[in-house]
Amino acid sequence: MPNDPRPDTHTPKAQTRGGFIAWLRRPPKWSLFSMLVIGSILGILIWGGLNTGMEWTNRTEFCLSCHEMTIPAEELKKTVHYKNRTGTTVSCADCHVASSKSPGDYGRKLEAKIMAARDVLGKLTGIVDTPEKFEAHRLTMAKRVWARMKASDSQECRNCHKFDTMDPAKQKDRSVVKHEGAIEDGKTCIECHQGIAHKPVHQLLAQEDAKKTP
């Protein structure tokens, strides 16, 4: 009936669908300048957000929000890496997360954050939620960190310590010999300097080796 007074309830939906599909087929023509501006703004927001989140979680205060981490934090305070005659100090992230001194470091930084999920899982499941449990897993956790640092050629150490800028005249004779030998043998820092920022685990290593010996 051509004069049917009832409203056509189907036309708007069809037009809406058709309009959206038509819009997809014929998107608005953006100028190159507009696309560059919008892309730059989005890039800054995304990169800035990621970097801000990365740096915020690098804070020692954030690490200590898991109370189990207060155990190694208190151990660090008793070492030369925390308090010394020159006043230099390190935070948790300085040793456990590579800094951004080179483009490749960001990848290691992101990897460290992903691996840190293991610590969160350990907290939620109560694996290391007491000092006794922490001690029981100390060697396992330490060996995991050593392996990661060895794989990265001790990048976290080399951010502050480099063979080519060491002054042998200001080192003990034993240190000079050891460092020269390390250079010749291609060794990395963590192979010799283990357990220097936290409770020594050399006794635990000796016990583990003794168990392996028939």
C-alpha atoms as a PDB file:
ATOM      1  CA  MET A   1       0.000   0.000   0.000  1.00  0.00           C
ATOM      2  CA  PRO A   2       1.699   3.222  -1.131  1.00  0.00           C
ATOM      3  CA  ASN A   3       0.008   5.371   1.470  1.00  0.00           C
ATOM      4  CA  ASP A   4       0.695   3.086   4.433  1.00  0.00           C
ATOM      5  CA  PRO A   5       1.214   5.452   7.415  1.00  0.00           C
ATOM      6  CA  ARG A   6       3.299   2.958   9.352  1.00  0.00           C
ATOM      7  CA  PRO A   7       7.003   3.902   9.614  1.00  0.00           C
ATOM      8  CA  ASP A   8       9.495   1.897   7.671  1.00  0.00           C
ATOM      9  CA  THR A   9      11.564   0.277  10.413  1.00  0.00           C
ATOM     10  CA  HIS A  10      13.865  -1.592   8.054  1.00  0.00           C
ATOM     11  CA  THR A  11      15.164   1.242   5.920  1.00  0.00           C
ATOM     12  CA  PRO A  12      17.351   2.997   8.567  1.00  0.00           C
ATOM     13  CA  LYS A  13      19.153  -0.275   9.464  1.00  0.00           C
ATOM     14  CA  ALA A  14      19.754  -1.097   5.849  1.00  0.00           C
ATOM     15  CA  GLN A  15      20.988   2.401   5.235  1.00  0.00           C
ATOM     16  CA  THR A  16      23.231   2.219   8.305  1.00  0.00           C
ATOM     17  CA  ARG A  17      24.783  -1.036   7.201  1.00  0.00           C
ATOM     18  CA  GLY A  18      25.112   0.182   3.679  1.00  0.00           C
ATOM     19  CA  GLY A  19      26.613   3.433   4.850  1.00  0.00           C
ATOM     20  CA  PHE A  20      29.220   1.695   7.008  1.00  0.00           C
ATOM     21  CA  ILE A  21      30.203  -0.705   4.242  1.00  0.00           C
ATOM     22  CA  ALA A  22      30.368   2.176   1.806  1.00  0.00           C
ATOM     23  CA  TRP A  23      32.585   4.062   4.277  1.00  0.00           C
ATOM     24  CA  LEU A  24      34.930   1.073   4.469  1.00  0.00           C
ATOM     25  CA  ARG A  25      35.034   0.881   0.692  1.00  0.00           C
ATOM     26  CA  ARG A  26      35.569   4.587   0.319  1.00  0.00           C
ATOM     27  CA  PRO A  27      37.441   5.756   3.449  1.00  0.00           C
ATOM     28  CA  PRO A  28      37.902   9.467   3.921  1.00  0.00           C
ATOM     29  CA  LYS A  29      40.856  10.906   2.088  1.00  0.00           C
ATOM     30  CA  TRP A  30      43.417  11.956   4.683  1.00  0.00           C
ATOM     31  CA  SER A  31      46.212  14.200   3.668  1.00  0.00           C
ATOM     32  CA  LEU A  32      49.756  12.889   4.106  1.00  0.00           C
ATOM     33  CA  PHE A  33      50.409  15.604   6.680  1.00  0.00           C
ATOM     34  CA  SER A  34      47.349  14.598   8.727  1.00  0.00           C
ATOM     35  CA  MET A  35      48.396  10.947   8.686  1.00  0.00           C
ATOM     36  CA  LEU A  36      51.920  11.843   9.804  1.00  0.00           C
ATOM     37  CA  VAL A  37      50.640  14.025  12.640  1.00  0.00           C
ATOM     38  CA  ILE A  38      48.128  11.455  13.888  1.00  0.00           C
ATOM     39  CA  GLY A  39      50.661   8.625  13.531  1.00  0.00           C
ATOM     40  CA  SER A  40      53.307  10.589  15.416  1.00  0.00           C
ATOM     41  CA  ILE A  41      50.918  11.401  18.258  1.00  0.00           C
ATOM     42  CA  LEU A  42      49.796   7.783  18.571  1.00  0.00           C
ATOM     43  CA  GLY A  43      53.402   6.590  18.445  1.00  0.00           C
ATOM     44  CA  ILE A  44      54.441   8.989  21.192  1.00  0.00           C
ATOM     45  CA  LEU A  45      51.499   7.966  23.373  1.00  0.00           C
ATOM     46  CA  ILE A  46      52.121   4.238  22.907  1.00  0.00           C
ATOM     47  CA  TRP A  47      55.906   4.417  23.304  1.00  0.00           C
ATOM     48  CA  GLY A  48      55.649   6.872  26.173  1.00  0.00           C
ATOM     49  CA  GLY A  49      53.118   4.686  27.955  1.00  0.00           C
ATOM     50  CA  LEU A  50      55.234   1.555  27.571  1.00  0.00           C
ATOM     51  CA  ASN A  51      58.413   3.293  28.666  1.00  0.00           C
ATOM     52  CA  THR A  52      56.704   4.978  31.616  1.00  0.00           C
ATOM     53  CA  GLY A  53      55.295   1.656  32.772  1.00  0.00           C
ATOM     54  CA  MET A  54      58.691   0.024  32.337  1.00  0.00           C
ATOM     55  CA  GLU A  55      60.493   2.668  34.386  1.00  0.00           C
ATOM     56  CA  TRP A  56      57.768   2.764  37.052  1.00  0.00           C
ATOM     57  CA  THR A  57      58.127  -0.973  37.639  1.00  0.00           C
ATOM     58  CA  ASN A  58      61.927  -0.576  37.749  1.00  0.00           C
ATOM     59  CA  ARG A  59      61.724   1.359  41.000  1.00  0.00           C
ATOM     60  CA  THR A  60      63.112  -0.381  44.060  1.00  0.00           C
ATOM     61  CA  GLU A  61      59.945   0.602  45.916  1.00  0.00           C
ATOM     62  CA  PHE A  62      57.921  -1.391  43.408  1.00  0.00           C
ATOM     63  CA  CYS A  63      60.187  -4.417  43.803  1.00  0.00           C
ATOM     64  CA  LEU A  64      59.863  -4.231  47.586  1.00  0.00           C
ATOM     65  CA  SER A  65      56.061  -4.210  47.352  1.00  0.00           C
ATOM     66  CA  CYS A  66      56.512  -7.998  47.373  1.00  0.00           C
ATOM     67  CA  HIS A  67      57.667  -8.329  50.974  1.00  0.00           C
ATOM     68  CA  GLU A  68      59.823 -11.355  50.112  1.00  0.00           C
ATOM     69  CA  MET A  69      62.164  -9.042  48.214  1.00  0.00           C
ATOM     70  CA  THR A  70      63.018  -7.181  51.411  1.00  0.00           C
ATOM     71  CA  ILE A  71      65.295 -10.130  52.251  1.00  0.00           C
ATOM     72  CA  PRO A  72      67.763  -9.594  49.369  1.00  0.00           C
ATOM     73  CA  ALA A  73      67.274  -5.820  49.620  1.00  0.00           C
ATOM     74  CA  GLU A  74      68.550  -5.787  53.193  1.00  0.00           C
ATOM     75  CA  GLU A  75      71.487  -7.952  52.129  1.00  0.00           C
ATOM     76  CA  LEU A  76      72.347  -5.499  49.355  1.00  0.00           C
ATOM     77  CA  LYS A  77      72.558  -2.640  51.870  1.00  0.00           C
ATOM     78  CA  LYS A  78      75.476  -4.385  53.563  1.00  0.00           C
ATOM     79  CA  THR A  79      77.593  -4.514  50.398  1.00  0.00           C
ATOM     80  CA  VAL A  80      79.855  -2.052  48.628  1.00  0.00           C
ATOM     81  CA  HIS A  81      77.409  -1.890  45.743  1.00  0.00           C
ATOM     82  CA  TYR A  82      74.981  -0.006  47.970  1.00  0.00           C
ATOM     83  CA  LYS A  83      77.192   2.130  50.203  1.00  0.00           C
ATOM     84  CA  ASN A  84      80.801   3.101  49.568  1.00  0.00           C
ATOM     85  CA  ARG A  85      83.313   5.933  49.783  1.00  0.00           C
ATOM     86  CA  THR A  86      82.264   7.473  46.442  1.00  0.00           C
ATOM     87  CA  GLY A  87      78.550   7.474  47.246  1.00  0.00           C
ATOM     88  CA  THR A  88      77.539   5.471  44.176  1.00  0.00           C
ATOM     89  CA  THR A  89      74.738   2.959  44.621  1.00  0.00           C
ATOM     90  CA  VAL A  90      72.626   0.534  42.637  1.00  0.00           C
ATOM     91  CA  SER A  91      68.949  -0.342  42.698  1.00  0.00           C
ATOM     92  CA  CYS A  92      67.297  -3.690  42.039  1.00  0.00           C
ATOM     93  CA  ALA A  93      66.812  -2.877  38.349  1.00  0.00           C
ATOM     94  CA  ASP A  94      70.463  -1.901  37.841  1.00  0.00           C
ATOM     95  CA  CYS A  95      71.490  -5.531  38.293  1.00  0.00           C
ATOM     96  CA  HIS A  96      68.359  -7.442  37.349  1.00  0.00           C
ATOM     97  CA  VAL A  97      67.153  -5.377  34.390  1.00  0.00           C
ATOM     98  CA  ALA A  98      69.476  -4.112  31.663  1.00  0.00           C
ATOM     99  CA  SER A  99      69.486  -0.353  31.280  1.00  0.00           C
ATOM    100  CA  SER A 100      68.609   1.467  28.075  1.00  0.00           C
ATOM    101  CA  LYS A 101      72.136   2.499  27.107  1.00  0.00           C
ATOM    102  CA  SER A 102      71.813   0.840  23.720  1.00  0.00           C
ATOM    103  CA  PRO A 103      68.830  -0.059  21.488  1.00  0.00           C
ATOM    104  CA  GLY A 104      69.338  -3.765  22.104  1.00  0.00           C
ATOM    105  CA  ASP A 105      68.958  -3.292  25.840  1.00  0.00           C
ATOM    106  CA  TYR A 106      65.251  -2.583  25.491  1.00  0.00           C
ATOM    107  CA  GLY A 107      64.662  -6.134  24.298  1.00  0.00           C
ATOM    108  CA  ARG A 108      66.477  -7.552  27.324  1.00  0.00           C
ATOM    109  CA  LYS A 109      64.560  -5.147  29.499  1.00  0.00           C
ATOM    110  CA  LEU A 110      61.246  -6.423  28.155  1.00  0.00           C
ATOM    111  CA  GLU A 111      62.410 -10.024  28.540  1.00  0.00           C
ATOM    112  CA  ALA A 112      63.309  -9.369  32.185  1.00  0.00           C
ATOM    113  CA  LYS A 113      59.817  -8.008  32.818  1.00  0.00           C
ATOM    114  CA  ILE A 114      58.241 -11.096  31.296  1.00  0.00           C
ATOM    115  CA  MET A 115      60.460 -13.389  33.353  1.00  0.00           C
ATOM    116  CA  ALA A 116      59.549 -11.410  36.467  1.00  0.00           C
ATOM    117  CA  ALA A 117      56.086 -12.917  36.150  1.00  0.00           C
ATOM    118  CA  ARG A 118      57.667 -16.002  37.717  1.00  0.00           C
ATOM    119  CA  ASP A 119      58.295 -13.979  40.882  1.00  0.00           C
ATOM    120  CA  VAL A 120      54.698 -12.799  40.962  1.00  0.00           C
ATOM    121  CA  LEU A 121      53.536 -16.394  40.543  1.00  0.00           C
ATOM    122  CA  GLY A 122      55.848 -17.449  43.352  1.00  0.00           C
ATOM    123  CA  LYS A 123      54.291 -14.865  45.620  1.00  0.00           C
ATOM    124  CA  LEU A 124      50.706 -15.783  44.730  1.00  0.00           C
ATOM    125  CA  THR A 125      51.314 -19.494  45.187  1.00  0.00           C
ATOM    126  CA  GLY A 126      53.338 -19.055  48.388  1.00  0.00           C
ATOM    127  CA  ILE A 127      56.540 -20.631  47.064  1.00  0.00           C
ATOM    128  CA  VAL A 128      58.816 -18.036  48.715  1.00  0.00           C
ATOM    129  CA  ASP A 129      56.432 -16.247  51.065  1.00  0.00           C
ATOM    130  CA  THR A 130      58.510 -16.920  54.212  1.00  0.00           C
ATOM    131  CA  PRO A 131      62.216 -16.490  55.031  1.00  0.00           C
ATOM    132  CA  GLU A 132      62.545 -20.266  55.366  1.00  0.00           C
ATOM    133  CA  LYS A 133      61.045 -20.913  51.926  1.00  0.00           C
ATOM    134  CA  PHE A 134      63.181 -18.141  50.443  1.00  0.00           C
ATOM    135  CA  GLU A 135      66.345 -19.781  51.792  1.00  0.00           C
ATOM    136  CA  ALA A 136      65.229 -23.154  50.450  1.00  0.00           C
ATOM    137  CA  HIS A 137      64.959 -21.681  46.947  1.00  0.00           C
ATOM    138  CA  ARG A 138      67.866 -19.226  47.178  1.00  0.00           C
ATOM    139  CA  LEU A 139      70.394 -21.257  45.185  1.00  0.00           C
ATOM    140  CA  THR A 140      67.853 -22.085  42.463  1.00  0.00           C
ATOM    141  CA  MET A 141      66.939 -18.425  42.049  1.00  0.00           C
ATOM    142  CA  ALA A 142      70.583 -17.336  42.109  1.00  0.00           C
ATOM    143  CA  LYS A 143      71.606 -19.831  39.424  1.00  0.00           C
ATOM    144  CA  ARG A 144      68.742 -18.632  37.245  1.00  0.00           C
ATOM    145  CA  VAL A 145      69.992 -15.040  37.485  1.00  0.00           C
ATOM    146  CA  TRP A 146      73.600 -16.084  36.835  1.00  0.00           C
ATOM    147  CA  ALA A 147      72.575 -17.988  33.709  1.00  0.00           C
ATOM    148  CA  ARG A 148      70.665 -15.006  32.365  1.00  0.00           C
ATOM    149  CA  MET A 149      73.555 -12.622  33.043  1.00  0.00           C
ATOM    150  CA  LYS A 150      76.078 -14.979  31.464  1.00  0.00           C
ATOM    151  CA  ALA A 151      73.886 -15.214  28.358  1.00  0.00           C
ATOM    152  CA  SER A 152      73.906 -11.411  28.058  1.00  0.00           C
ATOM    153  CA  ASP A 153      77.690 -11.222  28.631  1.00  0.00           C
ATOM    154  CA  SER A 154      77.043  -9.621  32.021  1.00  0.00           C
ATOM    155  CA  GLN A 155      75.503  -6.552  30.376  1.00  0.00           C
ATOM    156  CA  GLU A 156      74.130  -5.404  33.735  1.00  0.00           C
ATOM    157  CA  CYS A 157      77.676  -5.390  35.162  1.00  0.00           C
ATOM    158  CA  ARG A 158      79.208  -3.798  32.085  1.00  0.00           C
ATOM    159  CA  ASN A 159      76.863  -0.841  32.306  1.00  0.00           C
ATOM    160  CA  CYS A 160      79.196   0.351  35.075  1.00  0.00           C
ATOM    161  CA  HIS A 161      82.307  -1.851  34.837  1.00  0.00           C
ATOM    162  CA  LYS A 162      84.332  -2.200  31.636  1.00  0.00           C
ATOM    163  CA  PHE A 163      87.688  -3.892  31.103  1.00  0.00           C
ATOM    164  CA  ASP A 164      88.925  -1.164  28.750  1.00  0.00           C
ATOM    165  CA  THR A 165      88.395   1.620  31.305  1.00  0.00           C
ATOM    166  CA  MET A 166      89.897  -0.184  34.293  1.00  0.00           C
ATOM    167  CA  ASP A 167      93.075   1.345  35.731  1.00  0.00           C
ATOM    168  CA  PRO A 168      95.447  -1.497  36.694  1.00  0.00           C
ATOM    169  CA  ALA A 169      97.524   0.924  38.786  1.00  0.00           C
ATOM    170  CA  LYS A 170      94.554   1.321  41.141  1.00  0.00           C
ATOM    171  CA  GLN A 171      93.837  -2.403  41.438  1.00  0.00           C
ATOM    172  CA  LYS A 172      95.405  -5.057  43.607  1.00  0.00           C
ATOM    173  CA  ASP A 173      97.904  -7.288  41.842  1.00  0.00           C
ATOM    174  CA  ARG A 174      95.596 -10.289  42.204  1.00  0.00           C
ATOM    175  CA  SER A 175      92.723  -8.380  40.568  1.00  0.00           C
ATOM    176  CA  VAL A 176      94.930  -7.305  37.659  1.00  0.00           C
ATOM    177  CA  VAL A 177      95.987 -10.898  37.012  1.00  0.00           C
ATOM    178  CA  LYS A 178      92.413 -12.178  37.263  1.00  0.00           C
ATOM    179  CA  HIS A 179      91.037  -9.532  34.915  1.00  0.00           C
ATOM    180  CA  GLU A 180      93.802 -10.058  32.361  1.00  0.00           C
ATOM    181  CA  GLY A 181      93.107 -13.778  32.464  1.00  0.00           C
ATOM    182  CA  ALA A 182      89.377 -13.180  32.035  1.00  0.00           C
ATOM    183  CA  ILE A 183      90.017 -11.084  28.927  1.00  0.00           C
ATOM    184  CA  GLU A 184      92.289 -13.727  27.422  1.00  0.00           C
ATOM    185  CA  ASP A 185      89.872 -16.573  28.208  1.00  0.00           C
ATOM    186  CA  GLY A 186      86.796 -14.633  27.095  1.00  0.00           C
ATOM    187  CA  LYS A 187      85.135 -14.921  30.482  1.00  0.00           C
ATOM    188  CA  THR A 188      82.264 -12.702  31.565  1.00  0.00           C
ATOM    189  CA  CYS A 189      81.899 -10.935  34.913  1.00  0.00           C
ATOM    190  CA  ILE A 190      79.318 -13.217  36.525  1.00  0.00           C
ATOM    191  CA  GLU A 191      81.513 -16.293  36.083  1.00  0.00           C
ATOM    192  CA  CYS A 192      83.812 -15.021  38.850  1.00  0.00           C
ATOM    193  CA  HIS A 193      81.671 -12.496  40.719  1.00  0.00           C
ATOM    194  CA  GLN A 194      78.789 -14.546  42.092  1.00  0.00           C
ATOM    195  CA  GLY A 195      76.926 -13.755  45.283  1.00  0.00           C
ATOM    196  CA  ILE A 196      78.605 -10.372  45.766  1.00  0.00           C
ATOM    197  CA  ALA A 197      75.442  -8.313  46.230  1.00  0.00           C
ATOM    198  CA  HIS A 198      73.471 -10.734  48.384  1.00  0.00           C
ATOM    199  CA  LYS A 199      74.115 -13.498  50.865  1.00  0.00           C
ATOM    200  CA  PRO A 200      77.033 -15.676  49.657  1.00  0.00           C
ATOM    201  CA  VAL A 201      75.919 -19.007  48.273  1.00  0.00           C
ATOM    202  CA  HIS A 202      79.316 -20.628  47.740  1.00  0.00           C
ATOM    203  CA  GLN A 203      78.673 -23.008  50.629  1.00  0.00           C
ATOM    204  CA  LEU A 204      75.367 -24.034  49.031  1.00  0.00           C
ATOM    205  CA  LEU A 205      77.183 -24.649  45.731  1.00  0.00           C
ATOM    206  CA  ALA A 206      79.771 -26.798  47.509  1.00  0.00           C
ATOM    207  CA  GLN A 207      77.024 -28.810  49.176  1.00  0.00           C
ATOM    208  CA  GLU A 208      75.259 -29.316  45.857  1.00  0.00           C
ATOM    209  CA  ASP A 209      78.504 -30.469  44.203  1.00  0.00           C
ATOM    210  CA  ALA A 210      79.150 -32.841  47.092  1.00  0.00           C
ATOM    211  CA  LYS A 211      75.753 -34.473  46.544  1.00  0.00           C
ATOM    212  CA  LYS A 212      76.567 -35.018  42.865  1.00  0.00           C
ATOM    213  CA  THR A 213      79.896 -36.668  43.660  1.00  0.00           C
ATOM    214  CA  PRO A 214      79.468 -40.454  44.005  1.00  0.00           C
END
